[in-house]
């Protein structure tokens, strides 16, 4: 084979490698699934992959759970993480282990410091242990429309997501959030891009130190205001080969 044949093959290989899209792993929240992202639009050079929640072990911490979730990530390729609500918290913990290029938090918290006092009170009085899992699940049907009224524009999707969630997982998620020990000091070297709505009543904006704020965005803004969220992500995301 002549030398220029080798050169041609080498250049084709280099070009293919350079054009390889970055993977963006997506994780939903406690009461949602992959459909929370259904209205989002990502740049053409981004390859999105939906992560799936694993069954939670008894009394498992968020840190330990995140360590098990990393098994779904291919770290041999360039990648970033994105999570909504609980999913964002897990992504932050995963980043300590697998070091993504960026971590996008949507309607989420970057540490336990941003969790409302309501959850913190459960640390001292863990009455949630006595709650029936189905009580937690179906109370969401009642409370979510009150806390996040803009969900009415996507009512069918929101109700379906809650209906199909595993009740035991939802109860276990409460324990993981309540016992989360991460502080803002732990995020010094974490490449976090945090996007939050000013009308989020589940994780009130007063507790959040976000990079971007969306006016009137609720806890469901990834679904109900996807165009605005997508625009911010498209401008903020970086792709490094």
Protein backbone atom coordinates (compact mmCIF):
# COMPACT_ATOMS: atom_id res chain seq x y z
CA UNK A 1 0.00 0.00 0.00
CA UNK A 2 1.42 3.38 -1.00
CA UNK A 3 2.20 6.05 1.59
CA UNK A 4 -0.66 8.28 0.51
CA UNK A 5 -3.09 5.41 1.16
CA UNK A 6 -1.96 5.41 4.76
CA UNK A 7 -2.26 9.20 4.89
CA UNK A 8 -5.80 9.07 3.49
CA UNK A 9 -6.88 6.49 6.07
CA UNK A 10 -5.26 8.49 8.88
CA UNK A 11 -7.00 11.73 7.84
CA UNK A 12 -10.37 9.98 7.58
CA UNK A 13 -9.90 8.55 11.06
CA UNK A 14 -8.94 11.94 12.47
CA UNK A 15 -11.92 13.64 10.83
CA UNK A 16 -14.36 11.04 12.14
CA UNK A 17 -12.92 11.40 15.64
CA UNK A 18 -13.14 15.20 15.53
CA UNK A 19 -16.76 15.09 14.44
CA UNK A 20 -17.78 12.62 17.12
CA UNK A 21 -20.63 14.19 19.15
CA UNK A 22 -20.33 14.70 22.87
CA UNK A 23 -22.67 12.64 25.01
CA UNK A 24 -25.02 14.39 27.38
CA UNK A 25 -26.48 12.03 29.97
CA UNK A 26 -29.95 13.05 31.17
CA UNK A 27 -31.47 12.16 34.51
CA UNK A 28 -35.07 13.02 35.52
CA UNK A 29 -36.38 13.93 38.96
CA UNK A 30 -38.04 12.08 41.80
CA UNK A 31 -41.51 12.32 40.28
CA UNK A 32 -40.67 12.33 36.58
CA UNK A 33 -39.04 10.23 33.86
CA UNK A 34 -37.42 10.76 30.45
CA UNK A 35 -40.51 12.67 29.28
CA UNK A 36 -39.49 15.66 31.38
CA UNK A 37 -37.02 16.36 28.53
CA UNK A 38 -39.43 15.73 25.65
CA UNK A 39 -39.76 19.40 24.67
CA UNK A 40 -36.05 20.20 24.95
CA UNK A 41 -33.91 20.95 21.90
CA UNK A 42 -30.17 20.29 22.01
CA UNK A 43 -27.37 21.29 19.57
CA UNK A 44 -26.75 18.90 16.70
CA UNK A 45 -23.31 17.96 18.02
CA UNK A 46 -24.80 16.65 21.27
CA UNK A 47 -25.79 13.00 21.60
CA UNK A 48 -28.32 12.67 24.44
CA UNK A 49 -28.59 9.48 26.50
CA UNK A 50 -31.31 8.90 29.11
CA UNK A 51 -30.18 7.36 32.38
CA UNK A 52 -32.42 5.00 34.32
CA UNK A 53 -32.83 4.95 38.07
CA UNK A 54 -31.64 1.84 39.87
CA UNK A 55 -33.57 0.26 42.75
CA UNK A 56 -32.60 1.96 46.00
CA UNK A 57 -30.98 -0.05 48.77
CA UNK A 58 -32.28 0.18 52.33
CA UNK A 59 -31.36 3.48 54.01
CA UNK A 60 -29.06 4.31 51.09
CA UNK A 61 -27.46 7.75 51.00
CA UNK A 62 -27.48 9.93 47.92
CA UNK A 63 -23.68 9.72 47.74
CA UNK A 64 -23.69 5.92 47.74
CA UNK A 65 -26.52 5.77 45.24
CA UNK A 66 -24.68 8.11 42.86
CA UNK A 67 -21.61 5.88 43.07
CA UNK A 68 -23.71 2.99 41.76
CA UNK A 69 -25.29 5.11 39.01
CA UNK A 70 -21.92 5.83 37.37
CA UNK A 71 -21.94 2.31 35.92
CA UNK A 72 -24.25 3.66 33.20
CA UNK A 73 -21.71 6.23 31.98
CA UNK A 74 -19.19 5.57 29.20
CA UNK A 75 -16.21 7.61 30.36
CA UNK A 76 -14.09 6.72 27.32
CA UNK A 77 -15.93 9.40 25.31
CA UNK A 78 -16.37 13.12 26.03
CA UNK A 79 -19.47 13.58 28.19
CA UNK A 80 -21.46 15.91 30.41
CA UNK A 81 -24.28 15.33 32.87
CA UNK A 82 -27.70 16.94 33.22
CA UNK A 83 -30.28 16.38 35.92
CA UNK A 84 -33.66 17.75 36.93
CA UNK A 85 -34.37 18.17 40.67
CA UNK A 86 -33.22 14.96 42.42
CA UNK A 87 -31.46 13.98 39.19
CA UNK A 88 -29.28 17.08 39.39
CA UNK A 89 -28.26 16.30 42.96
CA UNK A 90 -27.22 12.82 41.89
CA UNK A 91 -25.29 14.22 38.92
CA UNK A 92 -23.31 16.50 41.25
CA UNK A 93 -22.29 13.52 43.36
CA UNK A 94 -21.46 11.46 40.27
CA UNK A 95 -19.15 14.22 39.06
CA UNK A 96 -16.80 13.61 41.99
CA UNK A 97 -16.19 10.11 40.65
CA UNK A 98 -16.24 10.38 36.85
CA UNK A 99 -15.36 14.07 36.20
CA UNK A 100 -17.69 15.22 33.38
CA UNK A 101 -16.94 18.28 31.27
CA UNK A 102 -20.00 20.05 32.68
CA UNK A 103 -22.85 19.35 35.08
CA UNK A 104 -26.18 21.01 34.23
CA UNK A 105 -28.63 21.40 37.10
CA UNK A 106 -32.23 22.19 36.14
CA UNK A 107 -34.65 23.10 38.93
CA UNK A 108 -32.23 21.40 41.29
CA UNK A 109 -29.83 22.02 44.16
CA UNK A 110 -26.06 21.91 44.08
CA UNK A 111 -25.73 20.95 47.75
CA UNK A 112 -27.68 20.30 50.90
CA UNK A 113 -27.25 23.99 51.69
CA UNK A 114 -29.87 24.76 49.02
CA UNK A 115 -32.45 22.28 50.30
CA UNK A 116 -35.48 23.94 51.99
CA UNK A 117 -35.72 23.90 55.79
CA UNK A 118 -38.76 21.67 55.45
CA UNK A 119 -36.49 18.80 54.46
CA UNK A 120 -33.88 19.66 57.08
CA UNK A 121 -36.50 19.33 59.81
CA UNK A 122 -36.87 15.68 58.82
CA UNK A 123 -33.27 15.06 59.88
CA UNK A 124 -34.22 15.79 63.47
CA UNK A 125 -37.70 14.32 63.22
CA UNK A 126 -37.59 11.53 60.57
CA UNK A 127 -41.33 10.92 60.60
CA UNK A 128 -41.21 10.15 56.87
CA UNK A 129 -40.01 6.65 57.81
CA UNK A 130 -43.56 5.96 58.93
CA UNK A 131 -45.17 7.18 55.72
CA UNK A 132 -46.68 4.61 53.40
CA UNK A 133 -44.89 4.84 50.00
CA UNK A 134 -48.22 5.18 48.21
CA UNK A 135 -49.10 8.14 50.42
CA UNK A 136 -45.98 9.96 49.22
CA UNK A 137 -46.68 9.05 45.61
CA UNK A 138 -50.32 10.02 45.45
CA UNK A 139 -49.94 13.13 47.58
CA UNK A 140 -47.81 14.36 44.69
CA UNK A 141 -50.92 14.28 42.51
CA UNK A 142 -52.53 16.73 44.93
CA UNK A 143 -49.59 18.94 45.83
CA UNK A 144 -47.79 19.34 42.50
CA UNK A 145 -50.65 21.28 40.81
CA UNK A 146 -50.74 23.59 43.84
CA UNK A 147 -47.00 24.17 44.09
CA UNK A 148 -46.34 24.27 40.33
CA UNK A 149 -49.58 25.46 38.65
CA UNK A 150 -48.00 25.89 35.19
CA UNK A 151 -47.94 22.08 34.88
CA UNK A 152 -51.52 22.39 33.64
CA UNK A 153 -50.09 23.04 30.17
CA UNK A 154 -48.59 19.53 30.30
CA UNK A 155 -51.09 17.96 32.68
CA UNK A 156 -51.42 14.66 30.83
CA UNK A 157 -47.66 14.09 30.74
CA UNK A 158 -47.16 15.14 34.36
CA UNK A 159 -49.91 12.86 35.67
CA UNK A 160 -48.65 9.96 33.60
CA UNK A 161 -45.08 10.37 34.88
CA UNK A 162 -46.21 10.32 38.51
CA UNK A 163 -48.58 7.43 37.93
CA UNK A 164 -45.80 5.29 36.50
CA UNK A 165 -43.21 6.07 39.18
CA UNK A 166 -42.32 3.40 41.70
CA UNK A 167 -43.74 4.40 45.10
CA UNK A 168 -40.88 2.79 47.02
CA UNK A 169 -38.36 4.76 44.99
CA UNK A 170 -40.17 8.03 45.73
CA UNK A 171 -40.06 7.33 49.47
CA UNK A 172 -36.39 6.34 49.31
CA UNK A 173 -35.66 9.56 47.43
CA UNK A 174 -37.00 11.56 50.38
CA UNK A 175 -34.49 9.83 52.65
CA UNK A 176 -31.62 10.52 50.24
CA UNK A 177 -32.49 14.23 50.03
CA UNK A 178 -33.01 14.63 53.78
CA UNK A 179 -29.68 13.01 54.65
CA UNK A 180 -27.62 14.68 51.87
CA UNK A 181 -24.44 16.05 53.48
CA UNK A 182 -22.86 17.92 50.56
CA UNK A 183 -21.96 21.59 51.11
CA UNK A 184 -21.18 24.39 48.67
CA UNK A 185 -17.51 24.08 49.64
CA UNK A 186 -17.53 20.62 48.08
CA UNK A 187 -18.36 22.17 44.69
CA UNK A 188 -15.27 24.34 44.33
CA UNK A 189 -13.82 22.21 41.51
CA UNK A 190 -17.13 21.01 40.04
CA UNK A 191 -18.05 22.52 36.61
CA UNK A 192 -21.68 23.26 37.51
CA UNK A 193 -24.09 25.21 35.29
CA UNK A 194 -27.20 25.82 37.39
CA UNK A 195 -30.47 27.00 35.82
CA UNK A 196 -33.42 27.81 38.07
CA UNK A 197 -36.89 29.30 37.77
CA UNK A 198 -37.94 32.33 39.80
CA UNK A 199 -41.35 30.74 40.44
CA UNK A 200 -40.04 27.38 41.65
CA UNK A 201 -41.98 26.55 44.82
CA UNK A 202 -40.55 23.07 45.34
CA UNK A 203 -36.96 24.33 45.63
CA UNK A 204 -37.55 28.05 46.30
CA UNK A 205 -35.26 30.38 44.40
CA UNK A 206 -34.36 32.21 47.62
CA UNK A 207 -32.18 29.25 48.59
CA UNK A 208 -30.52 28.87 45.19
CA UNK A 209 -27.33 30.43 43.84
CA UNK A 210 -27.89 29.74 40.15
CA UNK A 211 -25.91 30.82 37.11
CA UNK A 212 -29.07 31.53 35.12
CA UNK A 213 -32.59 32.43 36.25
CA UNK A 214 -35.72 32.00 34.16
CA UNK A 215 -38.49 34.48 34.94
CA UNK A 216 -41.66 32.73 36.10
CA UNK A 217 -40.02 29.35 35.59
CA UNK A 218 -41.44 26.69 37.90
CA UNK A 219 -40.05 23.38 39.11
CA UNK A 220 -41.47 21.91 35.89
CA UNK A 221 -39.83 24.46 33.57
CA UNK A 222 -37.78 21.81 31.74
CA UNK A 223 -41.10 20.60 30.38
CA UNK A 224 -43.24 23.76 30.38
CA UNK A 225 -40.62 26.35 29.34
CA UNK A 226 -38.29 24.11 27.36
CA UNK A 227 -37.54 26.73 24.70
CA UNK A 228 -35.98 29.09 27.25
CA UNK A 229 -34.09 26.33 29.04
CA UNK A 230 -32.82 24.95 25.73
CA UNK A 231 -31.57 28.37 24.62
CA UNK A 232 -29.48 28.78 27.76
CA UNK A 233 -28.02 25.30 27.49
CA UNK A 234 -27.14 25.76 23.81
CA UNK A 235 -25.23 28.93 24.68
CA UNK A 236 -23.50 27.50 27.77
CA UNK A 237 -22.55 24.01 26.68
CA UNK A 238 -19.00 23.32 25.58
CA UNK A 239 -17.68 20.39 23.58
CA UNK A 240 -14.07 19.30 24.08
CA UNK A 241 -12.66 16.34 22.19
